Amino acid sequence: MLRILFPEKAGLRRSVFGTALVLRVVPVLMLIAGSGFFLSGVSHAADSVEHATVLDHTSVTYLSHCGGCHGIEGVSGSSFVPTLRNAVGGFACTDEGRAYLIRVPGVSMSLIRDDQILADVMNFVMFRLAGTSLPAGFRPYTAAEIHQWRGEPLSVLDFMAQRGQTLGRSLTACAQKAAKKL
């Protein structure tokens, strides 16, 4: 090994081949040695941190595909990206509103290509983030609904107006349903 890494110390002349070999072998050896360190830490991390937060697959999928814009807790910044927390459930009082949430480009064209996983994420949004806005008796999204509605993505000139009109009709339906219960 000494001859490969330090040929001049072994009384040999460094060759171009030897230099190229060192530049290839040493990083690989360092990577292999280092990976044992990192892998050993991973296997013990869950055991060494008491009360650590463990996220399920659906939460991680939401965070990695939606949380960047809509916020980790469903609260987005002041922009055209809507806040989900205690608000998104307002769309769920009508079939039009339910479909709208799936047909928006961020959902219908999401990189989450599996319809069941996307249904799970949308149900996470509704049950965990919609909070006080979720109407009683909300029907969870199904993979079949996701498949149908994402095949019909929204394409409108004034997206904000469309969102306002759809939400308005859905909130009116929510109010009418609540009034009937009184």
C-alpha atoms as a PDB file:
ATOM      1  CA  MET A   1       0.000   0.000   0.000  1.00  0.00           C
ATOM      2  CA  LEU A   2       2.874   2.350   0.834  1.00  0.00           C
ATOM      3  CA  ARG A   3       4.206   1.871  -2.697  1.00  0.00           C
ATOM      4  CA  ILE A   4       0.877   2.957  -4.197  1.00  0.00           C
ATOM      5  CA  LEU A   5       0.246   5.973  -1.955  1.00  0.00           C
ATOM      6  CA  PHE A   6       3.810   7.255  -1.557  1.00  0.00           C
ATOM      7  CA  PRO A   7       6.023   5.751  -4.293  1.00  0.00           C
ATOM      8  CA  GLU A   8       8.843   8.256  -3.698  1.00  0.00           C
ATOM      9  CA  LYS A   9       9.223   7.034  -0.083  1.00  0.00           C
ATOM     10  CA  ALA A  10       9.581   3.492  -1.361  1.00  0.00           C
ATOM     11  CA  GLY A  11      12.349   4.652  -3.716  1.00  0.00           C
ATOM     12  CA  LEU A  12      10.082   4.617  -6.761  1.00  0.00           C
ATOM     13  CA  ARG A  13       9.213   7.383  -9.175  1.00  0.00           C
ATOM     14  CA  ARG A  14       5.567   8.599  -9.115  1.00  0.00           C
ATOM     15  CA  SER A  15       3.911   7.713 -12.388  1.00  0.00           C
ATOM     16  CA  VAL A  16       0.830   9.218 -13.992  1.00  0.00           C
ATOM     17  CA  PHE A  17      -0.844   5.834 -13.602  1.00  0.00           C
ATOM     18  CA  GLY A  18      -0.009   5.752  -9.895  1.00  0.00           C
ATOM     19  CA  THR A  19      -1.339   9.264  -9.348  1.00  0.00           C
ATOM     20  CA  ALA A  20      -4.577   8.418 -11.125  1.00  0.00           C
ATOM     21  CA  LEU A  21      -4.899   5.276  -9.050  1.00  0.00           C
ATOM     22  CA  VAL A  22      -4.377   7.210  -5.811  1.00  0.00           C
ATOM     23  CA  LEU A  23      -6.971   9.782  -6.865  1.00  0.00           C
ATOM     24  CA  ARG A  24      -9.464   6.980  -7.433  1.00  0.00           C
ATOM     25  CA  VAL A  25      -8.637   4.558  -4.635  1.00  0.00           C
ATOM     26  CA  VAL A  26      -8.226   6.920  -1.693  1.00  0.00           C
ATOM     27  CA  PRO A  27     -11.664   8.592  -1.989  1.00  0.00           C
ATOM     28  CA  VAL A  28     -13.328   5.187  -2.338  1.00  0.00           C
ATOM     29  CA  LEU A  29     -11.527   3.872   0.738  1.00  0.00           C
ATOM     30  CA  MET A  30     -12.495   7.009   2.678  1.00  0.00           C
ATOM     31  CA  LEU A  31     -16.101   6.624   1.586  1.00  0.00           C
ATOM     32  CA  ILE A  32     -16.196   2.987   2.652  1.00  0.00           C
ATOM     33  CA  ALA A  33     -14.601   3.778   6.011  1.00  0.00           C
ATOM     34  CA  GLY A  34     -16.893   6.756   6.573  1.00  0.00           C
ATOM     35  CA  SER A  35     -20.057   4.924   5.609  1.00  0.00           C
ATOM     36  CA  GLY A  36     -19.522   2.510   8.471  1.00  0.00           C
ATOM     37  CA  PHE A  37     -19.441   5.468  10.828  1.00  0.00           C
ATOM     38  CA  PHE A  38     -22.601   7.021   9.408  1.00  0.00           C
ATOM     39  CA  LEU A  39     -24.483   3.753   9.129  1.00  0.00           C
ATOM     40  CA  SER A  40     -23.610   2.793  12.667  1.00  0.00           C
ATOM     41  CA  GLY A  41     -24.970   6.150  13.863  1.00  0.00           C
ATOM     42  CA  VAL A  42     -28.234   5.669  12.015  1.00  0.00           C
ATOM     43  CA  SER A  43     -28.908   2.309  13.572  1.00  0.00           C
ATOM     44  CA  HIS A  44     -28.501   3.767  17.063  1.00  0.00           C
ATOM     45  CA  ALA A  45     -30.068   7.198  16.539  1.00  0.00           C
ATOM     46  CA  ALA A  46     -33.637   6.136  17.322  1.00  0.00           C
ATOM     47  CA  ASP A  47     -32.461   4.364  20.475  1.00  0.00           C
ATOM     48  CA  SER A  48     -30.323   7.246  21.702  1.00  0.00           C
ATOM     49  CA  VAL A  49     -32.852  10.085  21.419  1.00  0.00           C
ATOM     50  CA  GLU A  50     -35.621   9.768  23.907  1.00  0.00           C
ATOM     51  CA  HIS A  51     -39.010  11.222  22.847  1.00  0.00           C
ATOM     52  CA  ALA A  52     -37.832  11.794  19.268  1.00  0.00           C
ATOM     53  CA  THR A  53     -40.552  12.624  16.766  1.00  0.00           C
ATOM     54  CA  VAL A  54     -41.200   9.804  14.337  1.00  0.00           C
ATOM     55  CA  LEU A  55     -43.121  10.682  11.191  1.00  0.00           C
ATOM     56  CA  ASP A  56     -45.223   8.239   9.224  1.00  0.00           C
ATOM     57  CA  HIS A  57     -44.923   7.862   5.448  1.00  0.00           C
ATOM     58  CA  THR A  58     -47.899  10.138   4.716  1.00  0.00           C
ATOM     59  CA  SER A  59     -46.538  12.966   6.884  1.00  0.00           C
ATOM     60  CA  VAL A  60     -43.138  12.723   5.223  1.00  0.00           C
ATOM     61  CA  THR A  61     -44.775  12.716   1.778  1.00  0.00           C
ATOM     62  CA  TYR A  62     -46.783  15.852   2.655  1.00  0.00           C
ATOM     63  CA  LEU A  63     -43.671  17.582   3.998  1.00  0.00           C
ATOM     64  CA  SER A  64     -41.536  16.746   0.986  1.00  0.00           C
ATOM     65  CA  HIS A  65     -44.126  17.483  -1.709  1.00  0.00           C
ATOM     66  CA  CYS A  66     -46.443  20.120  -0.179  1.00  0.00           C
ATOM     67  CA  GLY A  67     -44.910  21.558   2.982  1.00  0.00           C
ATOM     68  CA  GLY A  68     -42.380  23.715   1.164  1.00  0.00           C
ATOM     69  CA  CYS A  69     -45.111  26.015  -0.132  1.00  0.00           C
ATOM     70  CA  HIS A  70     -48.069  25.335   2.160  1.00  0.00           C
ATOM     71  CA  GLY A  71     -45.945  25.204   5.302  1.00  0.00           C
ATOM     72  CA  ILE A  72     -45.068  22.394   7.649  1.00  0.00           C
ATOM     73  CA  GLU A  73     -48.144  23.109   9.761  1.00  0.00           C
ATOM     74  CA  GLY A  74     -50.309  24.141   6.800  1.00  0.00           C
ATOM     75  CA  VAL A  75     -49.608  27.856   7.238  1.00  0.00           C
ATOM     76  CA  SER A  76     -48.054  29.402   4.140  1.00  0.00           C
ATOM     77  CA  GLY A  77     -46.403  32.785   3.911  1.00  0.00           C
ATOM     78  CA  SER A  78     -48.174  35.847   2.628  1.00  0.00           C
ATOM     79  CA  SER A  79     -48.402  34.904  -1.038  1.00  0.00           C
ATOM     80  CA  PHE A  80     -50.831  33.446  -3.522  1.00  0.00           C
ATOM     81  CA  VAL A  81     -50.251  30.004  -1.962  1.00  0.00           C
ATOM     82  CA  PRO A  82     -53.241  29.395   0.295  1.00  0.00           C
ATOM     83  CA  THR A  83     -52.977  28.525   3.958  1.00  0.00           C
ATOM     84  CA  LEU A  84     -54.467  25.110   4.660  1.00  0.00           C
ATOM     85  CA  ARG A  85     -54.665  25.272   8.473  1.00  0.00           C
ATOM     86  CA  ASN A  86     -58.287  25.759   9.592  1.00  0.00           C
ATOM     87  CA  ALA A  87     -59.269  26.804   6.058  1.00  0.00           C
ATOM     88  CA  VAL A  88     -59.038  24.032   3.452  1.00  0.00           C
ATOM     89  CA  GLY A  89     -62.013  22.125   4.877  1.00  0.00           C
ATOM     90  CA  GLY A  90     -64.314  24.837   3.522  1.00  0.00           C
ATOM     91  CA  PHE A  91     -64.018  23.236   0.084  1.00  0.00           C
ATOM     92  CA  ALA A  92     -65.325  19.891   1.353  1.00  0.00           C
ATOM     93  CA  CYS A  93     -69.030  20.807   1.600  1.00  0.00           C
ATOM     94  CA  THR A  94     -69.645  20.249  -2.112  1.00  0.00           C
ATOM     95  CA  ASP A  95     -68.526  17.683  -4.651  1.00  0.00           C
ATOM     96  CA  GLU A  96     -67.294  20.605  -6.761  1.00  0.00           C
ATOM     97  CA  GLY A  97     -65.070  21.760  -3.896  1.00  0.00           C
ATOM     98  CA  ARG A  98     -63.767  18.258  -3.227  1.00  0.00           C
ATOM     99  CA  ALA A  99     -62.891  17.835  -6.890  1.00  0.00           C
ATOM    100  CA  TYR A 100     -61.361  21.316  -7.052  1.00  0.00           C
ATOM    101  CA  LEU A 101     -58.788  20.430  -4.395  1.00  0.00           C
ATOM    102  CA  ILE A 102     -57.600  17.503  -6.502  1.00  0.00           C
ATOM    103  CA  ARG A 103     -57.789  19.301  -9.844  1.00  0.00           C
ATOM    104  CA  VAL A 104     -55.549  22.243  -8.850  1.00  0.00           C
ATOM    105  CA  PRO A 105     -52.224  21.950 -10.705  1.00  0.00           C
ATOM    106  CA  GLY A 106     -50.137  21.425  -7.565  1.00  0.00           C
ATOM    107  CA  VAL A 107     -52.150  18.315  -6.739  1.00  0.00           C
ATOM    108  CA  SER A 108     -53.266  16.975 -10.118  1.00  0.00           C
ATOM    109  CA  MET A 109     -49.746  17.243 -11.549  1.00  0.00           C
ATOM    110  CA  SER A 110     -47.985  16.303  -8.326  1.00  0.00           C
ATOM    111  CA  LEU A 111     -44.946  14.065  -8.453  1.00  0.00           C
ATOM    112  CA  ILE A 112     -46.903  11.772  -6.131  1.00  0.00           C
ATOM    113  CA  ARG A 113     -48.012   9.506  -8.971  1.00  0.00           C
ATOM    114  CA  ASP A 114     -49.639   6.744  -6.910  1.00  0.00           C
ATOM    115  CA  ASP A 115     -53.343   7.582  -6.517  1.00  0.00           C
ATOM    116  CA  GLN A 116     -53.671   5.881  -3.124  1.00  0.00           C
ATOM    117  CA  ILE A 117     -50.663   7.707  -1.693  1.00  0.00           C
ATOM    118  CA  LEU A 118     -52.060  11.010  -2.969  1.00  0.00           C
ATOM    119  CA  ALA A 119     -55.451  10.148  -1.426  1.00  0.00           C
ATOM    120  CA  ASP A 120     -53.654   9.465   1.868  1.00  0.00           C
ATOM    121  CA  VAL A 121     -51.881  12.839   1.662  1.00  0.00           C
ATOM    122  CA  MET A 122     -55.128  14.673   0.883  1.00  0.00           C
ATOM    123  CA  ASN A 123     -56.827  12.916   3.796  1.00  0.00           C
ATOM    124  CA  PHE A 124     -53.883  13.953   5.999  1.00  0.00           C
ATOM    125  CA  VAL A 125     -54.451  17.540   4.842  1.00  0.00           C
ATOM    126  CA  MET A 126     -58.152  17.338   5.627  1.00  0.00           C
ATOM    127  CA  PHE A 127     -58.030  15.457   8.935  1.00  0.00           C
ATOM    128  CA  ARG A 128     -54.838  16.964  10.351  1.00  0.00           C
ATOM    129  CA  LEU A 129     -54.642  20.457   8.869  1.00  0.00           C
ATOM    130  CA  ALA A 130     -58.210  21.512   8.028  1.00  0.00           C
ATOM    131  CA  GLY A 131     -58.978  21.668  11.747  1.00  0.00           C
ATOM    132  CA  THR A 132     -62.056  23.737  12.533  1.00  0.00           C
ATOM    133  CA  SER A 133     -62.914  24.190   8.844  1.00  0.00           C
ATOM    134  CA  LEU A 134     -63.526  20.473   8.218  1.00  0.00           C
ATOM    135  CA  PRO A 135     -67.269  19.817   7.988  1.00  0.00           C
ATOM    136  CA  ALA A 136     -68.775  17.047  10.085  1.00  0.00           C
ATOM    137  CA  GLY A 137     -69.200  13.834   8.149  1.00  0.00           C
ATOM    138  CA  PHE A 138     -66.314  14.513   5.742  1.00  0.00           C
ATOM    139  CA  ARG A 139     -65.878  11.562   3.362  1.00  0.00           C
ATOM    140  CA  PRO A 140     -62.203  10.619   2.971  1.00  0.00           C
ATOM    141  CA  TYR A 141     -60.774  10.798  -0.521  1.00  0.00           C
ATOM    142  CA  THR A 142     -60.408   7.507  -2.376  1.00  0.00           C
ATOM    143  CA  ALA A 143     -57.824   6.452  -4.917  1.00  0.00           C
ATOM    144  CA  ALA A 144     -60.609   6.197  -7.520  1.00  0.00           C
ATOM    145  CA  GLU A 145     -61.605   9.855  -6.972  1.00  0.00           C
ATOM    146  CA  ILE A 146     -57.984  10.954  -7.167  1.00  0.00           C
ATOM    147  CA  HIS A 147     -57.500   9.012 -10.408  1.00  0.00           C
ATOM    148  CA  GLN A 148     -60.590  10.533 -12.022  1.00  0.00           C
ATOM    149  CA  TRP A 149     -60.098  14.160 -10.939  1.00  0.00           C
ATOM    150  CA  ARG A 150     -56.357  14.422 -11.507  1.00  0.00           C
ATOM    151  CA  GLY A 151     -57.048  13.392 -15.088  1.00  0.00           C
ATOM    152  CA  GLU A 152     -59.063  16.632 -15.431  1.00  0.00           C
ATOM    153  CA  PRO A 153     -56.621  19.307 -14.171  1.00  0.00           C
ATOM    154  CA  LEU A 154     -57.880  22.871 -13.862  1.00  0.00           C
ATOM    155  CA  SER A 155     -56.917  25.158 -16.672  1.00  0.00           C
ATOM    156  CA  VAL A 156     -58.409  28.611 -16.206  1.00  0.00           C
ATOM    157  CA  LEU A 157     -57.234  32.111 -17.004  1.00  0.00           C
ATOM    158  CA  ASP A 158     -58.006  33.591 -13.583  1.00  0.00           C
ATOM    159  CA  PHE A 159     -57.093  30.935 -11.078  1.00  0.00           C
ATOM    160  CA  MET A 160     -57.670  33.140  -8.025  1.00  0.00           C
ATOM    161  CA  ALA A 161     -61.191  34.043  -9.186  1.00  0.00           C
ATOM    162  CA  GLN A 162     -61.983  30.366  -9.796  1.00  0.00           C
ATOM    163  CA  ARG A 163     -60.761  29.475  -6.318  1.00  0.00           C
ATOM    164  CA  GLY A 164     -62.867  32.237  -4.751  1.00  0.00           C
ATOM    165  CA  GLN A 165     -66.018  31.229  -6.636  1.00  0.00           C
ATOM    166  CA  THR A 166     -65.623  27.536  -5.832  1.00  0.00           C
ATOM    167  CA  LEU A 167     -64.917  28.256  -2.173  1.00  0.00           C
ATOM    168  CA  GLY A 168     -67.862  30.659  -2.008  1.00  0.00           C
ATOM    169  CA  ARG A 169     -70.294  28.035  -3.297  1.00  0.00           C
ATOM    170  CA  SER A 170     -68.899  25.430  -0.933  1.00  0.00           C
ATOM    171  CA  LEU A 171     -69.048  27.714   2.119  1.00  0.00           C
ATOM    172  CA  THR A 172     -72.658  28.584   1.233  1.00  0.00           C
ATOM    173  CA  ALA A 173     -73.449  24.857   1.152  1.00  0.00           C
ATOM    174  CA  CYS A 174     -71.704  24.424   4.546  1.00  0.00           C
ATOM    175  CA  ALA A 175     -73.820  27.222   6.037  1.00  0.00           C
ATOM    176  CA  GLN A 176     -77.021  25.750   4.607  1.00  0.00           C
ATOM    177  CA  LYS A 177     -76.208  22.310   6.038  1.00  0.00           C
ATOM    178  CA  ALA A 178     -75.460  23.858   9.442  1.00  0.00           C
ATOM    179  CA  ALA A 179     -78.724  25.838   9.388  1.00  0.00           C
ATOM    180  CA  LYS A 180     -80.739  22.662   8.670  1.00  0.00           C
ATOM    181  CA  LYS A 181     -79.266  21.026  11.774  1.00  0.00           C
ATOM    182  CA  LEU A 182     -80.513  23.884  13.984  1.00  0.00           C
END
